[in-house]
């Protein structure tokens, strides 16, 4: 039996080549081709059957070319998932108080990630991989989300739209709440409409972050 990969969400030790705006421009096109090929493989085969050889073949590059950037298939998939999550995260900046912008961004991200073809594929074919990142440790993708949430919460505390509290703690609670909603929406879909559940997620986060009224 092929072992279930437990590091595909990019533990800091497993994701050797982080994807981000600071990557060298000269390597971006090759790396994007490899990540796009990995996306294609994951959608076609799932996590268990995706191989580095097939990723290289679909990207039109040699296996050594992939190995120069990533040490193994798991690391390629980790960076792919981090890239896809980054792309699904709306900007929390805008005109006006931060809290409504943050709430809208979290709800939009929960929808986009929950309906993303890659995450639907993983949830449907390899749900075991999520267990590690629910009960054991944070992956790089989750840390990216936490950093964005912390920054937005600090902005909201400065403009008075978000209550006092440790930004890291508030961000962690929002991450756990949204993550639970995304992972369980399919299970509850027979009795609660997806859109209605996301609306409730927004209400819950808005109430959680709202400053306490003083009388």
Protein backbone atom coordinates (compact mmCIF):
# COMPACT_ATOMS: atom_id res chain seq x y z
CA UNK A 1 0.00 0.00 0.00
CA UNK A 2 1.31 3.46 -0.90
CA UNK A 3 1.84 5.47 2.30
CA UNK A 4 -0.27 8.55 2.82
CA UNK A 5 1.80 11.69 2.52
CA UNK A 6 1.61 13.71 5.72
CA UNK A 7 3.74 16.66 4.63
CA UNK A 8 1.95 17.86 1.51
CA UNK A 9 0.79 21.04 3.21
CA UNK A 10 4.39 22.14 3.43
CA UNK A 11 6.00 21.77 6.83
CA UNK A 12 8.87 24.18 7.01
CA UNK A 13 11.30 21.27 6.82
CA UNK A 14 9.64 19.64 3.81
CA UNK A 15 9.01 22.63 1.54
CA UNK A 16 12.53 23.34 0.38
CA UNK A 17 11.74 25.88 -2.32
CA UNK A 18 9.13 28.35 -1.12
CA UNK A 19 6.93 29.89 -3.77
CA UNK A 20 6.56 33.63 -3.56
CA UNK A 21 7.25 37.01 -5.11
CA UNK A 22 10.94 36.89 -4.09
CA UNK A 23 11.71 33.92 -6.39
CA UNK A 24 14.25 34.68 -9.10
CA UNK A 25 12.53 35.79 -12.28
CA UNK A 26 14.80 33.59 -14.39
CA UNK A 27 13.43 30.47 -12.71
CA UNK A 28 9.81 31.48 -12.48
CA UNK A 29 8.73 30.13 -15.85
CA UNK A 30 10.25 26.69 -15.29
CA UNK A 31 8.96 26.48 -11.73
CA UNK A 32 5.49 27.52 -12.79
CA UNK A 33 5.51 24.88 -15.52
CA UNK A 34 6.50 22.25 -12.97
CA UNK A 35 3.85 23.38 -10.50
CA UNK A 36 1.23 23.49 -13.25
CA UNK A 37 2.22 19.96 -14.24
CA UNK A 38 1.95 18.86 -10.60
CA UNK A 39 -1.53 20.39 -10.48
CA UNK A 40 -2.54 18.43 -13.57
CA UNK A 41 -1.16 15.18 -12.10
CA UNK A 42 -2.86 15.69 -8.76
CA UNK A 43 -6.23 16.30 -10.42
CA UNK A 44 -5.83 13.25 -12.64
CA UNK A 45 -4.29 10.79 -10.20
CA UNK A 46 -4.68 12.11 -6.65
CA UNK A 47 -1.84 12.37 -4.14
CA UNK A 48 -0.97 8.69 -3.86
CA UNK A 49 -0.32 8.12 -7.56
CA UNK A 50 1.38 11.40 -8.46
CA UNK A 51 5.05 10.80 -9.27
CA UNK A 52 7.95 13.12 -9.90
CA UNK A 53 8.61 11.37 -13.21
CA UNK A 54 5.11 12.15 -14.46
CA UNK A 55 5.34 15.73 -13.20
CA UNK A 56 8.60 16.18 -15.14
CA UNK A 57 7.12 14.58 -18.26
CA UNK A 58 4.07 16.86 -18.25
CA UNK A 59 6.22 19.91 -17.56
CA UNK A 60 8.47 19.01 -20.51
CA UNK A 61 11.61 18.99 -18.36
CA UNK A 62 14.02 16.36 -17.08
CA UNK A 63 13.80 14.86 -13.63
CA UNK A 64 17.16 16.44 -12.65
CA UNK A 65 15.62 19.83 -13.51
CA UNK A 66 12.88 19.17 -10.97
CA UNK A 67 15.34 17.80 -8.40
CA UNK A 68 17.42 20.98 -8.61
CA UNK A 69 14.39 22.86 -7.27
CA UNK A 70 12.62 20.30 -5.07
CA UNK A 71 14.04 17.21 -3.32
CA UNK A 72 10.99 15.01 -3.86
CA UNK A 73 7.39 14.81 -5.04
CA UNK A 74 5.99 15.79 -1.65
CA UNK A 75 7.88 19.10 -1.72
CA UNK A 76 6.56 19.92 -5.19
CA UNK A 77 2.99 19.23 -4.03
CA UNK A 78 3.57 21.27 -0.85
CA UNK A 79 4.58 24.32 -2.87
CA UNK A 80 1.72 23.75 -5.30
CA UNK A 81 -0.82 23.78 -2.46
CA UNK A 82 0.79 26.87 -0.92
CA UNK A 83 0.61 28.63 -4.30
CA UNK A 84 -3.05 27.69 -4.77
CA UNK A 85 -3.98 28.84 -1.26
CA UNK A 86 -2.15 32.16 -1.72
CA UNK A 87 -4.10 32.73 -4.93
CA UNK A 88 -7.39 32.03 -3.13
CA UNK A 89 -6.77 34.54 -0.34
CA UNK A 90 -8.47 37.91 -1.01
CA UNK A 91 -6.78 41.17 -0.10
CA UNK A 92 -7.96 42.46 3.29
CA UNK A 93 -6.91 46.01 2.52
CA UNK A 94 -9.39 48.63 1.42
CA UNK A 95 -11.23 51.81 2.33
CA UNK A 96 -13.05 51.86 5.65
CA UNK A 97 -12.91 49.81 8.85
CA UNK A 98 -10.85 46.64 8.66
CA UNK A 99 -13.27 44.25 10.38
CA UNK A 100 -15.90 43.99 7.60
CA UNK A 101 -13.12 43.69 5.02
CA UNK A 102 -11.52 40.87 7.00
CA UNK A 103 -14.82 39.05 7.52
CA UNK A 104 -15.62 39.24 3.80
CA UNK A 105 -12.12 38.03 2.94
CA UNK A 106 -12.36 35.02 5.27
CA UNK A 107 -15.77 34.02 3.90
CA UNK A 108 -14.59 34.43 0.31
CA UNK A 109 -11.45 32.39 1.02
CA UNK A 110 -13.48 29.65 2.72
CA UNK A 111 -15.69 29.45 -0.36
CA UNK A 112 -12.82 29.53 -2.87
CA UNK A 113 -10.68 26.99 -1.02
CA UNK A 114 -13.63 24.75 -0.21
CA UNK A 115 -14.70 24.61 -3.86
CA UNK A 116 -11.16 24.54 -5.29
CA UNK A 117 -10.74 21.49 -7.56
CA UNK A 118 -7.47 20.47 -5.89
CA UNK A 119 -8.85 20.50 -2.37
CA UNK A 120 -12.05 18.81 -3.48
CA UNK A 121 -9.89 16.09 -5.04
CA UNK A 122 -7.82 15.64 -1.89
CA UNK A 123 -10.88 15.57 0.36
CA UNK A 124 -12.55 13.03 -1.90
CA UNK A 125 -9.62 10.68 -2.56
CA UNK A 126 -7.06 11.20 0.23
CA UNK A 127 -8.84 12.73 3.25
CA UNK A 128 -6.34 11.11 5.64
CA UNK A 129 -3.72 13.72 4.76
CA UNK A 130 -5.75 16.40 6.52
CA UNK A 131 -5.60 14.64 9.90
CA UNK A 132 -2.03 15.69 10.67
CA UNK A 133 -2.90 19.34 10.04
CA UNK A 134 -6.08 19.17 12.12
CA UNK A 135 -4.69 17.60 15.28
CA UNK A 136 -0.89 17.64 15.20
CA UNK A 137 0.96 20.51 13.55
CA UNK A 138 0.78 23.56 11.31
CA UNK A 139 1.80 23.42 7.69
CA UNK A 140 3.30 26.26 5.68
CA UNK A 141 -0.06 27.02 4.05
CA UNK A 142 -1.68 27.48 7.44
CA UNK A 143 1.17 29.72 8.58
CA UNK A 144 0.67 31.89 5.50
CA UNK A 145 -3.00 32.32 6.43
CA UNK A 146 -2.13 33.08 10.05
CA UNK A 147 0.33 35.80 9.02
CA UNK A 148 -2.29 37.47 6.83
CA UNK A 149 -4.89 37.29 9.59
CA UNK A 150 -2.52 38.69 12.22
CA UNK A 151 -1.65 41.67 10.02
CA UNK A 152 -5.33 42.41 9.31
CA UNK A 153 -6.29 42.06 12.99
CA UNK A 154 -3.55 44.48 14.03
CA UNK A 155 -4.83 46.97 11.45
CA UNK A 156 -8.37 46.55 12.76
CA UNK A 157 -7.27 47.06 16.34
CA UNK A 158 -5.51 50.26 15.29
CA UNK A 159 -8.62 51.62 13.55
CA UNK A 160 -10.91 50.52 16.40
CA UNK A 161 -13.03 48.07 14.40
CA UNK A 162 -11.59 44.96 16.07
CA UNK A 163 -11.57 44.31 19.80
CA UNK A 164 -8.48 44.13 21.95
CA UNK A 165 -6.70 40.83 22.33
CA UNK A 166 -3.57 38.99 21.27
CA UNK A 167 -3.63 39.13 17.44
CA UNK A 168 -1.99 35.72 17.16
CA UNK A 169 -4.64 34.14 19.39
CA UNK A 170 -7.52 35.82 17.56
CA UNK A 171 -6.04 34.78 14.21
CA UNK A 172 -5.61 31.17 15.36
CA UNK A 173 -9.26 30.96 16.44
CA UNK A 174 -10.45 32.35 13.10
CA UNK A 175 -8.23 29.88 11.22
CA UNK A 176 -9.59 26.94 13.23
CA UNK A 177 -13.19 28.09 12.74
CA UNK A 178 -12.86 28.65 9.00
CA UNK A 179 -10.84 25.47 8.52
CA UNK A 180 -13.49 23.41 10.29
CA UNK A 181 -16.19 24.93 8.10
CA UNK A 182 -14.28 24.19 4.89
CA UNK A 183 -13.50 20.61 5.87
CA UNK A 184 -17.00 19.75 7.08
CA UNK A 185 -19.21 21.56 4.57
CA UNK A 186 -19.66 18.46 2.42
CA UNK A 187 -20.76 16.43 5.44
CA UNK A 188 -23.47 18.91 6.45
CA UNK A 189 -24.58 19.85 2.92
CA UNK A 190 -27.63 17.57 3.05
CA UNK A 191 -29.22 19.68 5.78
CA UNK A 192 -27.63 23.13 5.40
CA UNK A 193 -27.02 25.06 2.18
CA UNK A 194 -23.35 25.85 1.51
CA UNK A 195 -23.99 29.56 1.05
CA UNK A 196 -26.07 29.75 4.22
CA UNK A 197 -23.27 28.07 6.19
CA UNK A 198 -20.72 30.57 4.88
CA UNK A 199 -23.05 33.41 5.86
CA UNK A 200 -23.11 32.01 9.39
CA UNK A 201 -19.33 31.77 9.36
CA UNK A 202 -19.20 35.47 8.54
CA UNK A 203 -21.65 36.31 11.31
CA UNK A 204 -19.65 34.28 13.82
CA UNK A 205 -16.32 35.90 12.93
CA UNK A 206 -17.81 39.39 12.84
CA UNK A 207 -19.32 38.95 16.31
CA UNK A 208 -16.12 37.40 17.61
CA UNK A 209 -13.99 40.36 16.46
CA UNK A 210 -16.43 43.17 17.28
CA UNK A 211 -15.35 45.55 20.06
CA UNK A 212 -17.25 45.20 23.31
CA UNK A 213 -19.81 47.95 23.75
CA UNK A 214 -19.32 50.09 26.80
CA UNK A 215 -22.33 51.33 28.74
